[in-house]
Protein backbone atom coordinates (compact mmCIF):
# COMPACT_ATOMS: atom_id res chain seq x y z
CA MET A 1 -24.88 -22.31 -28.65
CA ASN A 2 -21.91 -19.63 -28.90
CA LEU A 3 -22.33 -16.84 -25.86
CA GLY A 4 -24.27 -14.81 -27.72
CA GLU A 5 -27.06 -17.62 -28.90
CA LYS A 6 -26.68 -18.88 -25.03
CA ILE A 7 -27.45 -15.01 -23.91
CA LEU A 8 -30.30 -14.43 -26.90
CA SER A 9 -32.32 -17.48 -25.60
CA ASP A 10 -31.60 -16.19 -21.44
CA LEU A 11 -33.28 -12.97 -22.58
CA VAL A 12 -35.84 -13.89 -24.85
CA VAL A 13 -37.12 -16.53 -21.62
CA ALA A 14 -37.21 -14.35 -18.83
CA LEU A 15 -39.08 -11.78 -21.18
CA ILE A 16 -41.65 -14.58 -21.89
CA GLU A 17 -41.66 -14.62 -18.18
CA LEU A 18 -42.45 -11.58 -17.40
CA TYR A 19 -44.35 -10.64 -20.72
CA PRO A 20 -45.90 -14.28 -21.72
CA ASN A 21 -48.24 -12.72 -24.87
CA ILE A 22 -45.40 -11.34 -26.56
CA GLU A 23 -43.84 -11.80 -30.06
CA VAL A 24 -41.02 -14.31 -29.41
CA GLU A 25 -39.77 -14.85 -33.17
CA THR A 26 -40.26 -11.09 -33.37
CA THR A 27 -38.81 -9.88 -30.36
CA LYS A 28 -35.76 -12.86 -30.91
CA ASN A 29 -34.79 -11.21 -34.27
CA LYS A 30 -34.23 -7.27 -32.73
CA LEU A 31 -32.32 -9.26 -29.72
CA SER A 32 -29.83 -10.12 -31.69
CA THR A 33 -30.47 -7.20 -34.35
CA VAL A 34 -29.15 -5.36 -31.41
CA LEU A 35 -26.99 -7.80 -29.61
CA SER A 36 -24.82 -8.09 -32.64
CA GLU A 37 -23.50 -4.51 -31.91
CA TYR A 38 -21.79 -5.55 -29.09
CA TYR A 39 -18.71 -7.79 -27.50
CA ILE A 40 -19.97 -10.12 -25.39
CA GLN A 41 -17.27 -12.15 -22.46
CA LYS A 42 -18.22 -14.35 -19.98
CA VAL A 43 -16.71 -12.95 -16.91
CA LYS A 44 -15.75 -16.49 -15.51
CA LEU A 45 -16.46 -17.80 -11.80
CA GLY A 46 -13.42 -15.69 -9.44
CA GLU A 47 -12.19 -13.41 -11.57
CA VAL A 48 -12.08 -9.66 -11.21
CA HIS A 49 -15.01 -8.14 -13.35
CA PRO A 50 -13.98 -6.42 -16.08
CA ASP A 51 -16.22 -3.35 -15.56
CA LEU A 52 -14.63 -2.80 -12.65
CA GLU A 53 -11.35 -2.83 -13.24
CA ASP A 54 -12.02 0.03 -16.02
CA LYS A 55 -13.42 1.80 -13.66
CA ILE A 56 -10.31 1.73 -11.51
CA GLN A 57 -8.24 3.03 -14.31
CA LEU A 58 -10.51 5.49 -15.21
CA PHE A 59 -10.39 7.25 -12.13
CA ILE A 60 -6.25 6.41 -11.56
CA SER A 61 -6.03 8.50 -15.25
CA ALA A 62 -8.59 11.82 -13.57
CA LYS A 63 -6.72 11.31 -10.08
CA ARG A 64 -3.30 11.62 -12.00
CA LEU A 65 -4.54 14.43 -14.29
CA GLU A 66 -5.64 16.20 -11.27
CA GLY A 67 -1.53 16.46 -10.15
CA LEU A 68 -2.11 13.67 -7.32
CA SER A 69 1.25 12.47 -6.45
CA SER A 70 2.61 9.06 -7.73
CA ILE A 71 2.85 7.86 -3.91
CA THR A 72 -0.57 8.93 -3.01
CA LEU A 73 -1.84 6.60 -7.18
CA ASP A 74 0.11 3.68 -5.96
CA ASN A 75 -1.41 3.52 -2.75
CA TYR A 76 -5.10 4.12 -4.57
CA ILE A 77 -4.14 1.77 -7.02
CA LEU A 78 -3.26 -1.10 -4.37
CA GLU A 79 -5.95 -0.60 -2.37
CA LEU A 80 -8.34 -0.72 -4.89
CA SER A 81 -6.81 -4.19 -7.02
CA MET A 82 -7.46 -5.21 -3.57
CA PHE A 83 -10.57 -4.60 -3.03
CA ALA A 84 -11.42 -5.42 -6.54
CA ASP A 85 -9.77 -9.02 -5.99
CA VAL A 86 -12.36 -9.39 -2.94
CA VAL A 87 -15.13 -8.11 -4.90
CA LYS A 88 -16.15 -9.44 -7.83
CA LYS A 89 -19.11 -7.34 -9.32
CA LYS A 90 -19.74 -4.29 -11.87
CA ALA A 91 -19.02 -0.93 -10.21
CA GLU A 92 -22.56 -0.47 -10.03
CA ASP A 93 -23.93 -3.27 -8.38
CA ILE A 94 -21.61 -3.51 -5.61
CA ALA A 95 -23.64 -2.02 -2.18
CA THR A 96 -22.61 -1.14 0.80
CA ALA A 97 -22.42 -4.82 2.44
CA ASP A 98 -20.19 -5.58 0.07
CA LYS A 99 -17.34 -2.46 1.16
CA ARG A 100 -18.05 -3.66 5.21
CA MET A 101 -17.56 -7.05 3.71
CA TYR A 102 -14.87 -5.81 2.51
CA LEU A 103 -13.56 -3.89 5.59
CA SER A 104 -14.24 -7.15 7.83
CA GLN A 105 -12.53 -9.55 6.58
CA ASP A 106 -9.48 -9.48 7.98
CA GLY A 107 -9.68 -8.54 12.08
CA SER A 108 -6.38 -7.89 12.79
CA LEU A 109 -6.32 -5.02 11.34
CA LYS A 110 -5.36 -1.28 13.14
CA MET A 111 -8.60 0.82 13.34
CA SER A 112 -6.00 3.68 11.17
CA THR A 113 -5.77 1.15 8.22
CA ILE A 114 -8.76 0.74 8.23
CA ARG A 115 -9.79 4.42 8.11
CA LYS A 116 -7.13 4.49 5.31
CA LYS A 117 -8.99 2.10 3.16
CA LEU A 118 -12.23 3.14 3.33
CA SER A 119 -10.72 6.91 2.68
CA VAL A 120 -9.64 5.19 -0.88
CA LEU A 121 -12.90 3.51 -1.15
CA LYS A 122 -14.99 6.58 -0.22
CA SER A 123 -12.58 8.44 -2.75
CA PHE A 124 -13.47 5.70 -5.69
CA PHE A 125 -17.21 5.44 -5.44
CA SER A 126 -17.35 9.49 -4.77
CA TRP A 127 -15.94 10.08 -8.35
CA LEU A 128 -18.23 7.14 -9.56
CA ALA A 129 -21.52 8.93 -8.71
CA SER A 130 -20.10 12.52 -10.13
CA GLU A 131 -18.91 10.94 -13.36
CA GLU A 132 -22.62 9.68 -13.09
CA TYR A 133 -20.92 5.44 -13.74
CA ILE A 134 -22.79 4.34 -10.60
CA ILE A 135 -26.26 6.04 -10.09
CA ARG A 136 -25.59 6.41 -6.15
CA ASP A 137 -22.27 6.32 -3.90
CA PRO A 138 -23.19 3.32 -1.81
CA THR A 139 -20.09 4.74 0.67
CA THR A 140 -22.12 7.17 2.06
CA LYS A 141 -23.51 5.17 5.04
CA LEU A 142 -19.97 4.14 5.90
CA LYS A 143 -18.63 5.93 8.94
CA ALA A 144 -14.77 5.88 9.64
CA PRO A 145 -13.77 3.74 12.91
CA LYS A 146 -12.54 6.32 16.06
CA ASP A 147 -9.03 7.17 16.05
CA GLU A 148 -6.75 4.88 18.12
CA TYR A 149 -5.59 7.57 20.56
CA ARG A 150 -1.70 6.18 21.20
CA LEU A 151 1.25 8.91 21.82
CA PRO A 152 3.63 8.73 19.40
CA LYS A 153 7.05 6.88 20.47
CA ALA A 154 9.92 9.58 20.91
CA LEU A 155 13.28 9.02 22.82
CA SER A 156 14.65 10.94 25.75
CA ILE A 157 17.59 13.37 25.68
CA GLU A 158 19.86 10.42 26.93
CA GLU A 159 19.14 8.29 24.84
CA LEU A 160 19.48 10.57 21.90
CA GLU A 161 22.83 11.03 23.09
CA MET A 162 23.54 7.30 23.61
CA LEU A 163 22.37 6.88 19.98
CA ARG A 164 24.90 9.59 18.92
CA GLU A 165 27.94 7.76 21.21
CA ALA A 166 27.17 4.85 19.34
CA CYS A 167 28.02 5.64 16.12
CA GLU A 168 31.11 4.03 14.47
CA THR A 169 31.42 6.35 11.48
CA VAL A 170 31.06 9.80 10.19
CA ARG A 171 28.62 8.69 7.60
CA GLN A 172 26.33 6.91 10.49
CA ARG A 173 26.83 10.28 12.40
CA ALA A 174 25.13 12.68 9.90
CA PHE A 175 22.41 10.51 9.16
CA LEU A 176 21.64 10.65 12.43
CA GLU A 177 21.69 14.07 12.82
CA VAL A 178 20.05 15.19 9.51
CA LEU A 179 16.39 12.73 10.49
CA TYR A 180 16.78 14.19 14.19
CA ALA A 181 17.60 18.15 13.55
CA THR A 182 15.15 18.49 10.27
CA GLY A 183 12.29 16.60 12.18
CA CYS A 184 11.93 14.99 8.24
CA ARG A 185 9.97 11.86 7.00
CA LEU A 186 11.89 9.31 5.70
CA SER A 187 10.79 9.38 2.11
CA GLU A 188 11.74 13.36 1.99
CA VAL A 189 15.77 12.92 3.18
CA TYR A 190 15.65 9.91 0.55
CA ALA A 191 15.15 11.92 -2.12
CA LEU A 192 17.42 14.96 -0.83
CA ASN A 193 20.24 15.76 -3.40
CA ILE A 194 23.43 17.32 -2.66
CA ALA A 195 22.82 20.73 -4.36
CA ASP A 196 19.08 20.89 -2.28
CA ILE A 197 20.79 22.17 0.51
CA ASN A 198 21.75 25.50 1.40
CA GLN A 199 25.01 26.07 3.08
CA GLN A 200 24.87 29.68 3.94
CA ASN A 201 21.15 29.48 5.77
CA ARG A 202 21.33 26.14 6.72
CA SER A 203 18.70 24.49 5.51
CA THR A 204 16.46 22.70 2.53
CA LEU A 205 13.52 22.50 0.91
CA VAL A 206 11.52 18.96 0.95
CA ILE A 207 8.58 18.00 -0.73
CA GLY A 208 6.25 16.34 1.29
CA LYS A 209 3.04 14.83 1.23
CA GLY A 210 0.32 16.59 -1.44
CA ASP A 211 3.43 17.29 -3.29
CA LYS A 212 3.72 20.17 -0.98
CA GLN A 213 6.20 21.88 -0.63
CA ARG A 214 8.62 23.76 2.89
CA GLU A 215 11.62 24.83 4.23
CA VAL A 216 13.23 22.39 6.64
CA TYR A 217 16.34 23.01 9.25
CA PHE A 218 19.57 21.43 10.16
CA SER A 219 21.48 22.26 13.63
CA ILE A 220 24.74 23.33 13.91
CA ARG A 221 25.94 20.25 14.87
CA ALA A 222 23.77 18.26 11.89
CA MET A 223 25.08 20.90 9.89
CA TYR A 224 29.28 19.66 11.06
CA HIS A 225 28.46 15.99 10.72
CA LEU A 226 26.84 15.97 7.38
CA ASN A 227 29.71 18.25 6.15
CA LYS A 228 31.45 16.07 7.39
CA TYR A 229 30.45 13.12 5.53
CA LEU A 230 30.32 15.16 2.14
CA LYS A 231 34.00 16.06 1.91
CA GLN A 232 35.05 12.52 2.39
CA ARG A 233 33.03 11.01 -0.15
CA GLU A 234 35.01 10.61 -3.97
CA ASP A 235 32.11 9.96 -5.90
CA ASP A 236 29.59 11.76 -8.20
CA CYS A 237 26.40 10.56 -7.06
CA LYS A 238 24.02 13.63 -7.11
CA ALA A 239 22.10 11.88 -3.68
CA LEU A 240 22.20 13.60 -0.50
CA MET A 241 22.47 9.86 1.00
CA ILE A 242 24.39 7.05 -1.35
CA THR A 243 25.49 3.41 -0.71
CA GLU A 244 28.63 2.88 1.15
CA ARG A 245 29.76 0.98 -1.78
CA LYS A 246 30.97 1.15 -5.34
CA PRO A 247 28.43 1.34 -8.18
CA TYR A 248 27.62 4.47 -5.65
CA ARG A 249 23.73 5.41 -6.15
CA ARG A 250 21.15 7.04 -3.84
CA LEU A 251 20.36 4.76 -0.84
CA SER A 252 16.67 3.62 -0.14
CA LYS A 253 14.54 3.83 1.91
CA ARG A 254 15.29 0.68 3.59
CA GLY A 255 18.89 1.18 3.43
CA ILE A 256 18.19 4.28 5.52
CA GLN A 257 16.45 2.67 8.28
CA ARG A 258 19.15 -0.04 8.25
CA GLU A 259 21.49 2.26 8.85
CA ILE A 260 19.85 3.86 12.10
CA GLY A 261 19.10 -0.02 13.11
CA MET A 262 21.83 -0.96 13.08
CA ILE A 263 23.03 2.48 14.95
CA ALA A 264 20.12 1.46 17.73
CA LYS A 265 21.26 -2.03 17.98
CA LYS A 266 24.44 -0.83 19.70
CA VAL A 267 22.99 0.44 22.17
CA GLY A 268 20.06 -2.00 22.84
CA LEU A 269 17.23 0.60 21.66
CA GLN A 270 16.79 -1.67 18.46
CA ASP A 271 13.37 -2.19 19.16
CA LYS A 272 12.64 1.61 20.01
CA VAL A 273 14.15 3.58 17.23
CA SER A 274 13.52 4.66 13.56
CA PRO A 275 13.87 7.25 11.07
CA HIS A 276 10.34 7.87 12.32
CA VAL A 277 11.09 7.99 15.41
CA LEU A 278 13.36 10.60 14.79
CA ARG A 279 11.29 12.67 13.97
CA HIS A 280 8.43 12.08 17.21
CA THR A 281 12.17 12.62 19.05
CA PHE A 282 12.74 16.40 17.08
CA ALA A 283 9.23 17.12 17.84
CA THR A 284 8.83 16.48 21.39
CA LEU A 285 12.14 17.81 22.75
CA THR A 286 11.45 20.99 21.03
CA LEU A 287 7.28 21.91 22.02
CA ASN A 288 9.21 21.03 25.36
CA ASN A 289 11.86 23.49 24.81
CA GLY A 290 9.29 26.00 24.56
CA ALA A 291 9.19 25.91 20.50
CA GLU A 292 5.20 26.87 19.74
CA LEU A 293 3.27 24.55 18.69
CA VAL A 294 2.27 26.29 14.93
CA ALA A 295 5.52 26.69 13.85
CA ILE A 296 6.32 22.91 14.86
CA GLN A 297 3.40 21.93 12.74
CA GLU A 298 5.01 23.97 10.09
CA LEU A 299 8.46 22.66 10.13
CA LEU A 300 6.72 19.25 10.13
CA GLY A 301 4.67 19.47 7.09
CA HIS A 302 1.51 18.64 9.21
CA SER A 303 -1.58 20.00 7.12
CA SER A 304 -4.08 20.19 10.29
CA PRO A 305 -3.04 21.44 13.74
CA ASP A 306 -4.77 18.28 15.36
CA THR A 307 -1.84 15.96 13.77
CA THR A 308 1.09 18.25 15.92
CA LEU A 309 -1.07 18.61 19.42
CA ARG A 310 -0.25 14.50 19.36
CA TYR A 311 3.25 15.34 19.78
CA ALA A 312 2.55 17.85 22.98
CA LYS A 313 3.44 15.63 25.53
CA ILE A 314 5.73 17.11 28.21
CA THR A 315 7.65 16.10 30.75
CA HIS A 316 6.22 16.73 35.19
CA GLU A 317 8.78 18.34 34.89
CA ARG A 318 7.81 21.13 32.23
CA LYS A 319 4.48 21.43 33.75
CA ARG A 320 5.40 22.43 37.04
CA GLU A 321 8.29 24.83 35.17
CA GLN A 322 4.83 25.91 33.11
CA HIS A 323 2.44 26.25 36.14
CA LYS A 324 5.21 27.90 37.73
CA LYS A 325 6.33 30.65 35.07
CA TYR A 326 2.38 31.32 33.81
CA LEU A 327 0.10 31.21 36.71
CA ILE A 328 -0.72 34.09 37.90
CA GLN A 329 -0.51 34.64 41.67
């Protein structure tokens, strides 16, 4: 018995149970005519359901047309692929319980990671419902876990100076100063080209999250060390940060992290320093020095001021100074 005959037989048996008085042969012939117009494939146990794979592809295509960044699309693809590997069902058969099971299967996940996973699932199933591929969105009952409030790590002025003194090459010092002075994300600095640097204004334009463009600035010190690094280069690579050896090419994000890690290791700060910590340090020290929160929000590329507020931790000395300066006697 082939697959089509097996499905036909199963359907007829199910119909007889529901409607004992039906004409078996007439029903069988009618169903046979209908099924002959379709290609039928059985989903094997343990396989990702092809329907869910198809819906994921449609979703990604739609989001690509909406102009989402390649980074966001890659995150969607990765997360939904992992979900499909665990929940092997048709999209319309997936229930809220399936999503709870998926999100809770790894007890070691941080709340922030679970929130990101849930955000992708909500976006996917909300789209399926809006496009009428499913009747209702099963993620509406799922609430995001509460935020784990943790103050960002930031270096003290003394630790920052230790890193500066630990730089052994012009290249290392340039990388350190650029990351600190601009407050850029690693991905933003990685993508910069030499031609992007406005020498006159000591600034550059970067593309941040959501493909949003913003202007960031270099300090006089950062500009000095960056130009010193660029002048000693003898390559024709357009990238701002390149590999140390031939063939010269754009230095990878991991390569930039490694350079910063090497500097930190020399002063015993290898467990505390990363490109992202330098971004935190830029925000914290600048705020402590009196910068307006709105300005820091713009410089960091935060869409919400609440995100920037995480950096607004000031020292006891700064609090005492603010109290003395602004209290009306």
